[in-house]
Amino acid sequence: MSKVAETTLKIEGMSCGHCKMSVEKALQAIAGVVSVSVDLEKKEAIVTGTAEREVLVKVVEDIGFDVVS
């Protein structure tokens, strides 16, 4: 079983509350994600859970945003 970890994703392209909600909703739908916090000003999402970073990045990119780190 994977260890619960906190993953920070730097995301480009988010410009409004709707963008923030879209990213939160997409990340929360991933198996193993416990919590998601998206900060528009910092352009980042902090995800807590057991999901792999690659899966998180793919989901964010699939909805139209760029993960830069």
C-alpha atoms as a PDB file:
ATOM      1  CA  MET A   1       0.000   0.000   0.000  1.00  0.00           C
ATOM      2  CA  SER A   2       1.287   3.466  -0.879  1.00  0.00           C
ATOM      3  CA  LYS A   3       2.175   5.969   1.804  1.00  0.00           C
ATOM      4  CA  VAL A   4       0.034   9.101   2.125  1.00  0.00           C
ATOM      5  CA  ALA A   5       2.030  12.041   0.821  1.00  0.00           C
ATOM      6  CA  GLU A   6       1.606  15.711  -0.006  1.00  0.00           C
ATOM      7  CA  THR A   7       2.275  16.628  -3.634  1.00  0.00           C
ATOM      8  CA  THR A   8       2.566  20.205  -4.877  1.00  0.00           C
ATOM      9  CA  LEU A   9       1.821  20.921  -8.536  1.00  0.00           C
ATOM     10  CA  LYS A  10       2.679  24.291 -10.106  1.00  0.00           C
ATOM     11  CA  ILE A  11      -0.095  24.935 -12.639  1.00  0.00           C
ATOM     12  CA  GLU A  12      -0.165  27.509 -15.433  1.00  0.00           C
ATOM     13  CA  GLY A  13      -3.390  28.679 -17.079  1.00  0.00           C
ATOM     14  CA  MET A  14      -5.676  29.069 -14.070  1.00  0.00           C
ATOM     15  CA  SER A  15      -7.147  32.570 -14.065  1.00  0.00           C
ATOM     16  CA  CYS A  16     -10.460  32.461 -12.198  1.00  0.00           C
ATOM     17  CA  GLY A  17     -12.582  30.713  -9.611  1.00  0.00           C
ATOM     18  CA  HIS A  18     -14.039  28.428 -12.266  1.00  0.00           C
ATOM     19  CA  CYS A  19     -10.529  27.266 -13.232  1.00  0.00           C
ATOM     20  CA  LYS A  20      -9.740  26.621  -9.577  1.00  0.00           C
ATOM     21  CA  MET A  21     -12.925  24.594  -9.106  1.00  0.00           C
ATOM     22  CA  SER A  22     -12.274  22.584 -12.288  1.00  0.00           C
ATOM     23  CA  VAL A  23      -8.802  21.595 -11.091  1.00  0.00           C
ATOM     24  CA  GLU A  24     -10.048  20.756  -7.578  1.00  0.00           C
ATOM     25  CA  LYS A  25     -12.915  18.640  -8.903  1.00  0.00           C
ATOM     26  CA  ALA A  26     -10.687  16.748 -11.362  1.00  0.00           C
ATOM     27  CA  LEU A  27      -8.033  16.007  -8.734  1.00  0.00           C
ATOM     28  CA  GLN A  28     -10.570  14.975  -6.074  1.00  0.00           C
ATOM     29  CA  ALA A  29     -12.010  12.391  -8.484  1.00  0.00           C
ATOM     30  CA  ILE A  30      -8.711  10.463  -8.566  1.00  0.00           C
ATOM     31  CA  ALA A  31      -8.566   7.262  -6.528  1.00  0.00           C
ATOM     32  CA  GLY A  32      -6.318   7.710  -3.503  1.00  0.00           C
ATOM     33  CA  VAL A  33      -6.697  11.492  -3.231  1.00  0.00           C
ATOM     34  CA  VAL A  34      -7.652  12.516   0.313  1.00  0.00           C
ATOM     35  CA  SER A  35      -7.694  16.311  -0.051  1.00  0.00           C
ATOM     36  CA  VAL A  36      -6.982  19.050  -2.579  1.00  0.00           C
ATOM     37  CA  SER A  37      -6.169  22.705  -1.991  1.00  0.00           C
ATOM     38  CA  VAL A  38      -5.789  24.981  -5.030  1.00  0.00           C
ATOM     39  CA  ASP A  39      -4.293  28.473  -4.634  1.00  0.00           C
ATOM     40  CA  LEU A  40      -4.961  30.749  -7.620  1.00  0.00           C
ATOM     41  CA  GLU A  41      -2.451  33.410  -6.539  1.00  0.00           C
ATOM     42  CA  LYS A  42       0.402  30.924  -6.101  1.00  0.00           C
ATOM     43  CA  LYS A  43      -0.770  28.964  -9.174  1.00  0.00           C
ATOM     44  CA  GLU A  44      -0.450  25.687  -7.334  1.00  0.00           C
ATOM     45  CA  ALA A  45      -2.389  22.704  -6.118  1.00  0.00           C
ATOM     46  CA  ILE A  46      -1.483  20.791  -2.986  1.00  0.00           C
ATOM     47  CA  VAL A  47      -2.779  17.238  -3.098  1.00  0.00           C
ATOM     48  CA  THR A  48      -2.745  14.859  -0.127  1.00  0.00           C
ATOM     49  CA  GLY A  49      -3.172  11.139  -0.666  1.00  0.00           C
ATOM     50  CA  THR A  50      -1.638   8.045  -2.209  1.00  0.00           C
ATOM     51  CA  ALA A  51      -2.126   8.846  -5.910  1.00  0.00           C
ATOM     52  CA  GLU A  52       1.028   8.916  -8.050  1.00  0.00           C
ATOM     53  CA  ARG A  53       2.311  12.338  -9.185  1.00  0.00           C
ATOM     54  CA  GLU A  54       2.175  11.223 -12.844  1.00  0.00           C
ATOM     55  CA  VAL A  55      -1.560  10.513 -12.515  1.00  0.00           C
ATOM     56  CA  LEU A  56      -2.210  13.920 -10.937  1.00  0.00           C
ATOM     57  CA  VAL A  57      -0.253  15.710 -13.685  1.00  0.00           C
ATOM     58  CA  LYS A  58      -2.077  13.817 -16.462  1.00  0.00           C
ATOM     59  CA  VAL A  59      -5.520  14.690 -15.077  1.00  0.00           C
ATOM     60  CA  VAL A  60      -4.671  18.408 -14.781  1.00  0.00           C
ATOM     61  CA  GLU A  61      -3.241  18.460 -18.311  1.00  0.00           C
ATOM     62  CA  ASP A  62      -6.249  16.529 -19.673  1.00  0.00           C
ATOM     63  CA  ILE A  63      -8.575  19.355 -18.547  1.00  0.00           C
ATOM     64  CA  GLY A  64      -6.458  21.963 -20.328  1.00  0.00           C
ATOM     65  CA  PHE A  65      -3.889  23.311 -17.864  1.00  0.00           C
ATOM     66  CA  ASP A  66      -0.098  23.028 -17.888  1.00  0.00           C
ATOM     67  CA  VAL A  67       1.795  21.556 -14.944  1.00  0.00           C
ATOM     68  CA  VAL A  68       5.184  23.292 -14.928  1.00  0.00           C
ATOM     69  CA  SER A  69       6.726  21.604 -11.896  1.00  0.00           C
END
